[in-house]
């Protein structure tokens, strides 16, 4: 990670490394890893690219690298603006706040979903079938879609900011 993103602070590099290791761990729980070294290298590349894209915002594009191991360039901060907003984190916040105010069961499910538990783990915790948990989450997300299309409230503002509606 340090080679790919040279100008990042050490704590950010540690966070990104942790993100890659959690992904690797989750993959290993699903099935046996055949080639863990190339998989880990691929995960590191993807985590670095995702980090740069989050900093650039939802409309940011990442040009192909001329060399495979070339460092990624972080976006230059625009004058008069704060550090880039993590749109995924903003989405999580908006969804959790909406469910906290309007739908407690969906809030509990969203909290578990955003802590990145697997659907199987959530189903075991709740003593439900896997498909039941997914159906409930789908119904919860339908509320969010309706809010986004109704053009009102914080979900609409998030979607407008992210330029997805």
C-alpha atoms as a PDB file:
ATOM      1  CA  UNK A   1       0.000   0.000   0.000  1.00  0.00           C
ATOM      2  CA  UNK A   2       2.829   2.347   0.854  1.00  0.00           C
ATOM      3  CA  UNK A   3       4.268   1.831  -2.650  1.00  0.00           C
ATOM      4  CA  UNK A   4       0.935   2.573  -4.328  1.00  0.00           C
ATOM      5  CA  UNK A   5      -0.090   5.574  -2.216  1.00  0.00           C
ATOM      6  CA  UNK A   6       3.145   7.270  -1.239  1.00  0.00           C
ATOM      7  CA  UNK A   7       1.749  10.509   0.153  1.00  0.00           C
ATOM      8  CA  UNK A   8      -0.770   9.021   2.604  1.00  0.00           C
ATOM      9  CA  UNK A   9      -0.366   9.327   6.359  1.00  0.00           C
ATOM     10  CA  UNK A  10       0.644   6.137   8.162  1.00  0.00           C
ATOM     11  CA  UNK A  11      -2.711   5.708   9.937  1.00  0.00           C
ATOM     12  CA  UNK A  12      -4.588   5.824   6.616  1.00  0.00           C
ATOM     13  CA  UNK A  13      -2.257   3.198   5.154  1.00  0.00           C
ATOM     14  CA  UNK A  14      -2.932   1.023   8.198  1.00  0.00           C
ATOM     15  CA  UNK A  15      -6.694   1.455   7.756  1.00  0.00           C
ATOM     16  CA  UNK A  16      -6.483   0.517   4.091  1.00  0.00           C
ATOM     17  CA  UNK A  17      -4.303  -2.506   4.882  1.00  0.00           C
ATOM     18  CA  UNK A  18      -6.850  -3.576   7.477  1.00  0.00           C
ATOM     19  CA  UNK A  19      -9.620  -3.190   4.885  1.00  0.00           C
ATOM     20  CA  UNK A  20      -7.740  -5.465   2.480  1.00  0.00           C
ATOM     21  CA  UNK A  21      -7.063  -8.034   5.207  1.00  0.00           C
ATOM     22  CA  UNK A  22     -10.723  -8.100   6.260  1.00  0.00           C
ATOM     23  CA  UNK A  23     -11.719  -8.718   2.634  1.00  0.00           C
ATOM     24  CA  UNK A  24      -9.134 -11.488   2.369  1.00  0.00           C
ATOM     25  CA  UNK A  25     -10.395 -13.029   5.605  1.00  0.00           C
ATOM     26  CA  UNK A  26     -14.018 -12.925   4.434  1.00  0.00           C
ATOM     27  CA  UNK A  27     -13.084 -14.540   1.145  1.00  0.00           C
ATOM     28  CA  UNK A  28     -11.220 -17.286   3.008  1.00  0.00           C
ATOM     29  CA  UNK A  29     -14.315 -17.963   5.127  1.00  0.00           C
ATOM     30  CA  UNK A  30     -16.416 -18.492   2.002  1.00  0.00           C
ATOM     31  CA  UNK A  31     -14.061 -20.885   0.243  1.00  0.00           C
ATOM     32  CA  UNK A  32     -10.509 -22.175   0.355  1.00  0.00           C
ATOM     33  CA  UNK A  33      -7.981 -19.754  -1.113  1.00  0.00           C
ATOM     34  CA  UNK A  34      -6.085 -21.346  -3.976  1.00  0.00           C
ATOM     35  CA  UNK A  35      -3.548 -18.563  -4.645  1.00  0.00           C
ATOM     36  CA  UNK A  36      -3.590 -16.240  -1.619  1.00  0.00           C
ATOM     37  CA  UNK A  37      -0.535 -14.152  -2.635  1.00  0.00           C
ATOM     38  CA  UNK A  38      -1.883 -12.949  -6.013  1.00  0.00           C
ATOM     39  CA  UNK A  39      -5.310 -12.508  -4.440  1.00  0.00           C
ATOM     40  CA  UNK A  40      -3.839 -10.352  -1.667  1.00  0.00           C
ATOM     41  CA  UNK A  41      -1.954  -8.263  -4.248  1.00  0.00           C
ATOM     42  CA  UNK A  42      -5.159  -7.770  -6.236  1.00  0.00           C
ATOM     43  CA  UNK A  43      -7.062  -6.784  -3.092  1.00  0.00           C
ATOM     44  CA  UNK A  44      -4.382  -4.236  -2.194  1.00  0.00           C
ATOM     45  CA  UNK A  45      -4.609  -2.716  -5.686  1.00  0.00           C
ATOM     46  CA  UNK A  46      -8.400  -2.523  -5.497  1.00  0.00           C
ATOM     47  CA  UNK A  47      -8.413  -1.001  -2.016  1.00  0.00           C
ATOM     48  CA  UNK A  48      -5.937   1.663  -3.150  1.00  0.00           C
ATOM     49  CA  UNK A  49      -7.949   2.478  -6.282  1.00  0.00           C
ATOM     50  CA  UNK A  50     -11.178   2.628  -4.249  1.00  0.00           C
ATOM     51  CA  UNK A  51      -9.540   5.011  -1.788  1.00  0.00           C
ATOM     52  CA  UNK A  52      -8.425   7.355  -4.571  1.00  0.00           C
ATOM     53  CA  UNK A  53     -11.886   7.201  -6.157  1.00  0.00           C
ATOM     54  CA  UNK A  54     -13.542   8.045  -2.825  1.00  0.00           C
ATOM     55  CA  UNK A  55     -11.297  11.085  -2.535  1.00  0.00           C
ATOM     56  CA  UNK A  56     -12.146  12.207  -6.051  1.00  0.00           C
ATOM     57  CA  UNK A  57     -15.869  11.919  -5.444  1.00  0.00           C
ATOM     58  CA  UNK A  58     -18.592  10.082  -7.305  1.00  0.00           C
ATOM     59  CA  UNK A  59     -17.868  11.663 -10.674  1.00  0.00           C
ATOM     60  CA  UNK A  60     -14.093  11.118 -10.363  1.00  0.00           C
ATOM     61  CA  UNK A  61     -12.408   8.979 -12.955  1.00  0.00           C
ATOM     62  CA  UNK A  62      -9.194   7.070 -12.559  1.00  0.00           C
ATOM     63  CA  UNK A  63      -7.067   6.984 -15.696  1.00  0.00           C
ATOM     64  CA  UNK A  64      -5.350   3.695 -16.521  1.00  0.00           C
ATOM     65  CA  UNK A  65      -1.808   3.470 -15.198  1.00  0.00           C
ATOM     66  CA  UNK A  66       1.006   3.313 -17.727  1.00  0.00           C
ATOM     67  CA  UNK A  67       2.946   0.893 -15.511  1.00  0.00           C
ATOM     68  CA  UNK A  68       1.473  -1.778 -13.296  1.00  0.00           C
ATOM     69  CA  UNK A  69       3.379  -0.762 -10.159  1.00  0.00           C
ATOM     70  CA  UNK A  70       3.234   2.989 -10.738  1.00  0.00           C
ATOM     71  CA  UNK A  71       2.019   4.935  -7.681  1.00  0.00           C
ATOM     72  CA  UNK A  72      -1.517   6.293  -7.738  1.00  0.00           C
ATOM     73  CA  UNK A  73      -1.811  10.049  -7.701  1.00  0.00           C
ATOM     74  CA  UNK A  74      -4.106  11.478  -5.083  1.00  0.00           C
ATOM     75  CA  UNK A  75      -6.372  14.254  -6.316  1.00  0.00           C
ATOM     76  CA  UNK A  76      -5.213  17.781  -5.663  1.00  0.00           C
ATOM     77  CA  UNK A  77      -7.463  19.531  -3.159  1.00  0.00           C
ATOM     78  CA  UNK A  78      -9.658  22.091  -4.807  1.00  0.00           C
ATOM     79  CA  UNK A  79      -9.088  25.605  -3.464  1.00  0.00           C
ATOM     80  CA  UNK A  80     -11.415  26.582  -0.647  1.00  0.00           C
ATOM     81  CA  UNK A  81     -12.774  23.100  -0.108  1.00  0.00           C
ATOM     82  CA  UNK A  82     -12.317  20.636   2.699  1.00  0.00           C
ATOM     83  CA  UNK A  83     -11.031  17.103   2.291  1.00  0.00           C
ATOM     84  CA  UNK A  84     -13.124  14.971  -0.044  1.00  0.00           C
ATOM     85  CA  UNK A  85     -16.397  13.636   1.284  1.00  0.00           C
ATOM     86  CA  UNK A  86     -16.698   9.870   1.414  1.00  0.00           C
ATOM     87  CA  UNK A  87     -20.039   9.476  -0.352  1.00  0.00           C
ATOM     88  CA  UNK A  88     -20.483   5.901   0.868  1.00  0.00           C
ATOM     89  CA  UNK A  89     -20.051   7.034   4.465  1.00  0.00           C
ATOM     90  CA  UNK A  90     -22.514   9.852   3.842  1.00  0.00           C
ATOM     91  CA  UNK A  91     -24.997   7.355   2.386  1.00  0.00           C
ATOM     92  CA  UNK A  92     -24.625   5.109   5.435  1.00  0.00           C
ATOM     93  CA  UNK A  93     -25.247   8.049   7.728  1.00  0.00           C
ATOM     94  CA  UNK A  94     -28.354   9.198   5.835  1.00  0.00           C
ATOM     95  CA  UNK A  95     -29.845   5.696   5.675  1.00  0.00           C
ATOM     96  CA  UNK A  96     -29.201   4.992   9.351  1.00  0.00           C
ATOM     97  CA  UNK A  97     -30.674   8.338  10.387  1.00  0.00           C
ATOM     98  CA  UNK A  98     -33.776   7.796   8.253  1.00  0.00           C
ATOM     99  CA  UNK A  99     -34.381   4.343   9.713  1.00  0.00           C
ATOM    100  CA  UNK A 100     -33.643   5.559  13.243  1.00  0.00           C
ATOM    101  CA  UNK A 101     -36.468   8.080  12.893  1.00  0.00           C
ATOM    102  CA  UNK A 102     -38.958   6.021  10.884  1.00  0.00           C
ATOM    103  CA  UNK A 103     -38.372   2.268  11.068  1.00  0.00           C
ATOM    104  CA  UNK A 104     -36.643   0.583  14.027  1.00  0.00           C
ATOM    105  CA  UNK A 105     -36.476  -2.954  12.537  1.00  0.00           C
ATOM    106  CA  UNK A 106     -34.848  -1.592   9.380  1.00  0.00           C
ATOM    107  CA  UNK A 107     -32.471   0.465  11.524  1.00  0.00           C
ATOM    108  CA  UNK A 108     -31.278  -2.686  13.309  1.00  0.00           C
ATOM    109  CA  UNK A 109     -30.826  -4.511  10.010  1.00  0.00           C
ATOM    110  CA  UNK A 110     -29.045  -1.538   8.415  1.00  0.00           C
ATOM    111  CA  UNK A 111     -26.699  -1.268  11.395  1.00  0.00           C
ATOM    112  CA  UNK A 112     -25.767  -4.926  10.977  1.00  0.00           C
ATOM    113  CA  UNK A 113     -25.465  -4.533   7.204  1.00  0.00           C
ATOM    114  CA  UNK A 114     -23.181  -1.512   7.476  1.00  0.00           C
ATOM    115  CA  UNK A 115     -20.930  -3.267   9.994  1.00  0.00           C
ATOM    116  CA  UNK A 116     -20.429  -5.592   7.026  1.00  0.00           C
ATOM    117  CA  UNK A 117     -21.651  -8.780   8.581  1.00  0.00           C
ATOM    118  CA  UNK A 118     -22.542 -11.438   6.053  1.00  0.00           C
ATOM    119  CA  UNK A 119     -26.212 -12.134   5.457  1.00  0.00           C
ATOM    120  CA  UNK A 120     -25.597 -15.630   6.789  1.00  0.00           C
ATOM    121  CA  UNK A 121     -24.182 -14.249  10.042  1.00  0.00           C
ATOM    122  CA  UNK A 122     -27.121 -11.867  10.416  1.00  0.00           C
ATOM    123  CA  UNK A 123     -29.558 -14.735   9.764  1.00  0.00           C
ATOM    124  CA  UNK A 124     -27.857 -16.879  12.422  1.00  0.00           C
ATOM    125  CA  UNK A 125     -27.936 -14.020  14.958  1.00  0.00           C
ATOM    126  CA  UNK A 126     -31.623 -13.421  14.352  1.00  0.00           C
ATOM    127  CA  UNK A 127     -32.429 -17.115  14.003  1.00  0.00           C
ATOM    128  CA  UNK A 128     -34.004 -16.544  10.597  1.00  0.00           C
ATOM    129  CA  UNK A 129     -33.525 -18.044   7.176  1.00  0.00           C
ATOM    130  CA  UNK A 130     -30.958 -16.409   4.920  1.00  0.00           C
ATOM    131  CA  UNK A 131     -33.573 -15.576   2.281  1.00  0.00           C
ATOM    132  CA  UNK A 132     -35.845 -13.968   4.905  1.00  0.00           C
ATOM    133  CA  UNK A 133     -33.111 -11.561   5.962  1.00  0.00           C
ATOM    134  CA  UNK A 134     -32.412 -10.620   2.348  1.00  0.00           C
ATOM    135  CA  UNK A 135     -36.122 -10.036   1.658  1.00  0.00           C
ATOM    136  CA  UNK A 136     -36.427  -7.813   4.723  1.00  0.00           C
ATOM    137  CA  UNK A 137     -33.370  -5.809   3.654  1.00  0.00           C
ATOM    138  CA  UNK A 138     -34.818  -5.473   0.161  1.00  0.00           C
ATOM    139  CA  UNK A 139     -38.045  -4.066   1.627  1.00  0.00           C
ATOM    140  CA  UNK A 140     -36.042  -1.619   3.751  1.00  0.00           C
ATOM    141  CA  UNK A 141     -34.045  -0.443   0.751  1.00  0.00           C
ATOM    142  CA  UNK A 142     -37.263   0.035  -1.214  1.00  0.00           C
ATOM    143  CA  UNK A 143     -38.117   2.780   1.298  1.00  0.00           C
ATOM    144  CA  UNK A 144     -34.801   4.468   0.532  1.00  0.00           C
ATOM    145  CA  UNK A 145     -35.394   4.221  -3.227  1.00  0.00           C
ATOM    146  CA  UNK A 146     -38.850   5.752  -2.822  1.00  0.00           C
ATOM    147  CA  UNK A 147     -37.399   8.615  -0.794  1.00  0.00           C
ATOM    148  CA  UNK A 148     -34.749   9.255  -3.423  1.00  0.00           C
ATOM    149  CA  UNK A 149     -37.319   9.317  -6.233  1.00  0.00           C
ATOM    150  CA  UNK A 150     -39.781  11.439  -4.248  1.00  0.00           C
ATOM    151  CA  UNK A 151     -37.192  14.254  -4.271  1.00  0.00           C
ATOM    152  CA  UNK A 152     -37.452  15.118  -0.609  1.00  0.00           C
ATOM    153  CA  UNK A 153     -35.403  14.774   2.506  1.00  0.00           C
ATOM    154  CA  UNK A 154     -31.794  13.814   3.161  1.00  0.00           C
ATOM    155  CA  UNK A 155     -31.779  10.806   0.826  1.00  0.00           C
ATOM    156  CA  UNK A 156     -32.672  13.036  -2.104  1.00  0.00           C
ATOM    157  CA  UNK A 157     -29.952  15.492  -1.098  1.00  0.00           C
ATOM    158  CA  UNK A 158     -27.416  12.665  -0.909  1.00  0.00           C
ATOM    159  CA  UNK A 159     -28.473  11.299  -4.301  1.00  0.00           C
ATOM    160  CA  UNK A 160     -28.351  14.777  -5.852  1.00  0.00           C
ATOM    161  CA  UNK A 161     -24.888  15.348  -4.357  1.00  0.00           C
ATOM    162  CA  UNK A 162     -23.735  11.982  -5.712  1.00  0.00           C
ATOM    163  CA  UNK A 163     -25.388  12.769  -9.069  1.00  0.00           C
ATOM    164  CA  UNK A 164     -27.224   9.446  -9.233  1.00  0.00           C
ATOM    165  CA  UNK A 165     -30.763  10.809  -9.708  1.00  0.00           C
END
